[in-house]
Amino acid sequence: MNKPQKAPEVKMRFKRSKFCRVIHVDGAWGSLTLQGNIHMALFSEHRAFPEGTTISLNEQGVVQETMMDDPGVTIREIEADVILNPGGAVVLRDWLTGRLTELETALKQMQAQAQPQT
C-alpha cells in the first residue's frame, strides 16, 4: 500500500513595500478592463475645502473663522487604483466575507454583553 503523501508546504513572509501606507476607504468605483481584469479605484469622501477663510475677533474677543466660499461639493479622493485578475478578485471577496462574518459575530457578542442581566 502507498502511504498518502503530505502536501508540500510553502512558507510566506510579508514585507511592506516603500509605497505601503494606511488609507481610509469609503467606497470603490471601477470597471472591467479589456484584458479581462477588474479595475477598482478605492476612494475616501470629504467635503471640498474652501478657497480660504477669514479669521476675526468677535465683540467678546473670541476668535471666529469664516469660510470665504462654500463649494458645497463632496470630493471622492482616489487613494489607490487596484487591478485584480478574476482569481485575485475571488480571493479578495472571500477574505472580505470572512472578515465581515467575524465582525458580525463580535458585534453580536458585544451587544449581548451590554444587555442588562435580569
Protein backbone atom coordinates (compact mmCIF):
# COMPACT_ATOMS: atom_id res chain seq x y z
CA MET A 1 0.00 0.00 0.00
CA ASN A 2 1.13 3.52 -0.77
CA LYS A 3 1.29 6.00 2.06
CA PRO A 4 -0.66 9.18 1.44
CA GLN A 5 1.86 11.88 0.58
CA LYS A 6 1.90 15.06 2.58
CA ALA A 7 1.18 18.13 0.53
CA PRO A 8 4.26 20.35 0.21
CA GLU A 9 4.40 23.39 2.43
CA VAL A 10 5.21 26.85 1.17
CA LYS A 11 6.36 29.43 3.67
CA MET A 12 5.33 33.03 3.07
CA ARG A 13 6.80 36.17 4.60
CA PHE A 14 5.16 39.59 4.46
CA LYS A 15 7.24 42.63 3.56
CA ARG A 16 5.93 46.16 3.13
CA SER A 17 6.98 48.00 0.00
CA LYS A 18 8.30 51.52 0.37
CA PHE A 19 4.96 52.73 -1.06
CA CYS A 20 2.81 50.90 1.52
CA ARG A 21 0.64 53.17 3.65
CA VAL A 22 -2.57 53.02 5.63
CA ILE A 23 -5.57 54.55 3.86
CA HIS A 24 -9.20 55.06 4.81
CA VAL A 25 -11.66 53.70 2.23
CA ASP A 26 -15.29 54.82 1.98
CA GLY A 27 -16.01 53.03 -1.27
CA ALA A 28 -14.83 51.85 -4.65
CA TRP A 29 -15.52 52.64 -8.27
CA GLY A 30 -14.28 50.84 -11.32
CA SER A 31 -14.93 48.69 -14.32
CA LEU A 32 -13.70 45.74 -16.31
CA THR A 33 -10.54 46.07 -18.39
CA LEU A 34 -10.17 44.92 -21.97
CA GLN A 35 -7.78 42.25 -20.70
CA GLY A 36 -10.49 40.67 -18.52
CA ASN A 37 -9.34 42.15 -15.21
CA ILE A 38 -11.21 44.30 -12.70
CA HIS A 39 -10.10 47.90 -12.19
CA MET A 40 -11.04 49.16 -8.74
CA ALA A 41 -10.37 52.71 -7.55
CA LEU A 42 -10.60 52.97 -3.75
CA PHE A 43 -11.74 56.37 -2.53
CA SER A 44 -12.37 58.37 0.63
CA GLU A 45 -15.07 61.04 0.75
CA HIS A 46 -14.90 64.51 2.26
CA ARG A 47 -16.32 67.97 1.71
CA ALA A 48 -14.35 70.21 -0.61
CA PHE A 49 -12.11 72.68 1.12
CA PRO A 50 -12.98 76.38 0.80
CA GLU A 51 -10.63 78.66 -1.14
CA GLY A 52 -9.80 80.37 2.15
CA THR A 53 -11.10 81.62 5.46
CA THR A 54 -11.31 84.92 7.31
CA ILE A 55 -10.24 84.97 10.95
CA SER A 56 -11.54 87.75 13.18
CA LEU A 57 -12.35 88.57 16.79
CA ASN A 58 -15.99 88.94 17.72
CA GLU A 59 -17.27 91.57 20.19
CA GLN A 60 -16.45 89.27 23.13
CA GLY A 61 -12.87 88.83 21.92
CA VAL A 62 -13.39 85.24 20.77
CA VAL A 63 -11.64 84.13 17.59
CA GLN A 64 -14.03 83.27 14.76
CA GLU A 65 -13.17 81.66 11.46
CA THR A 66 -15.49 82.16 8.49
CA MET A 67 -15.26 80.41 5.13
CA MET A 68 -14.74 82.80 2.24
CA ASP A 69 -16.77 80.49 0.00
CA ASP A 70 -18.65 77.23 0.44
CA PRO A 71 -18.04 74.95 -2.52
CA GLY A 72 -20.85 72.64 -1.33
CA VAL A 73 -19.25 69.73 -3.14
CA THR A 74 -18.28 66.30 -1.83
CA ILE A 75 -14.92 65.06 -3.08
CA ARG A 76 -14.21 61.39 -3.73
CA GLU A 77 -10.45 61.35 -3.39
CA ILE A 78 -8.97 58.28 -5.04
CA GLU A 79 -6.45 56.79 -2.63
CA ALA A 80 -5.39 53.74 -4.66
CA ASP A 81 -6.07 52.08 -8.00
CA VAL A 82 -6.13 48.29 -7.92
CA ILE A 83 -6.16 45.90 -10.88
CA LEU A 84 -7.39 42.40 -9.99
CA ASN A 85 -7.41 39.29 -12.13
CA PRO A 86 -10.54 37.14 -11.67
CA GLY A 87 -8.77 34.74 -9.29
CA GLY A 88 -7.46 37.59 -7.15
CA ALA A 89 -10.93 39.14 -7.06
CA VAL A 90 -12.41 35.88 -5.76
CA VAL A 91 -9.70 35.61 -3.09
CA LEU A 92 -10.34 39.23 -2.02
CA ARG A 93 -14.12 38.66 -1.97
CA ASP A 94 -13.76 35.55 0.17
CA TRP A 95 -11.32 37.25 2.53
CA LEU A 96 -13.67 40.23 2.97
CA THR A 97 -16.64 37.90 3.55
CA GLY A 98 -14.65 36.16 6.29
CA ARG A 99 -13.77 39.45 7.99
CA LEU A 100 -17.41 40.62 7.80
CA THR A 101 -18.56 37.36 9.39
CA GLU A 102 -16.02 37.83 12.19
CA LEU A 103 -17.17 41.43 12.69
CA GLU A 104 -20.85 40.47 12.84
CA THR A 105 -20.08 37.78 15.43
CA ALA A 106 -18.02 40.20 17.53
CA LEU A 107 -20.74 42.88 17.39
CA LYS A 108 -23.41 40.37 18.47
CA GLN A 109 -21.22 39.30 21.40
CA MET A 110 -20.65 42.92 22.45
CA GLN A 111 -24.38 43.66 22.24
CA ALA A 112 -25.17 40.56 24.30
CA GLN A 113 -22.66 41.63 26.96
CA ALA A 114 -24.11 45.16 27.00
CA GLN A 115 -27.65 43.87 27.69
CA PRO A 116 -28.65 44.25 31.34
CA GLN A 117 -28.72 40.94 33.20
CA THR A 118 -32.21 40.13 34.52
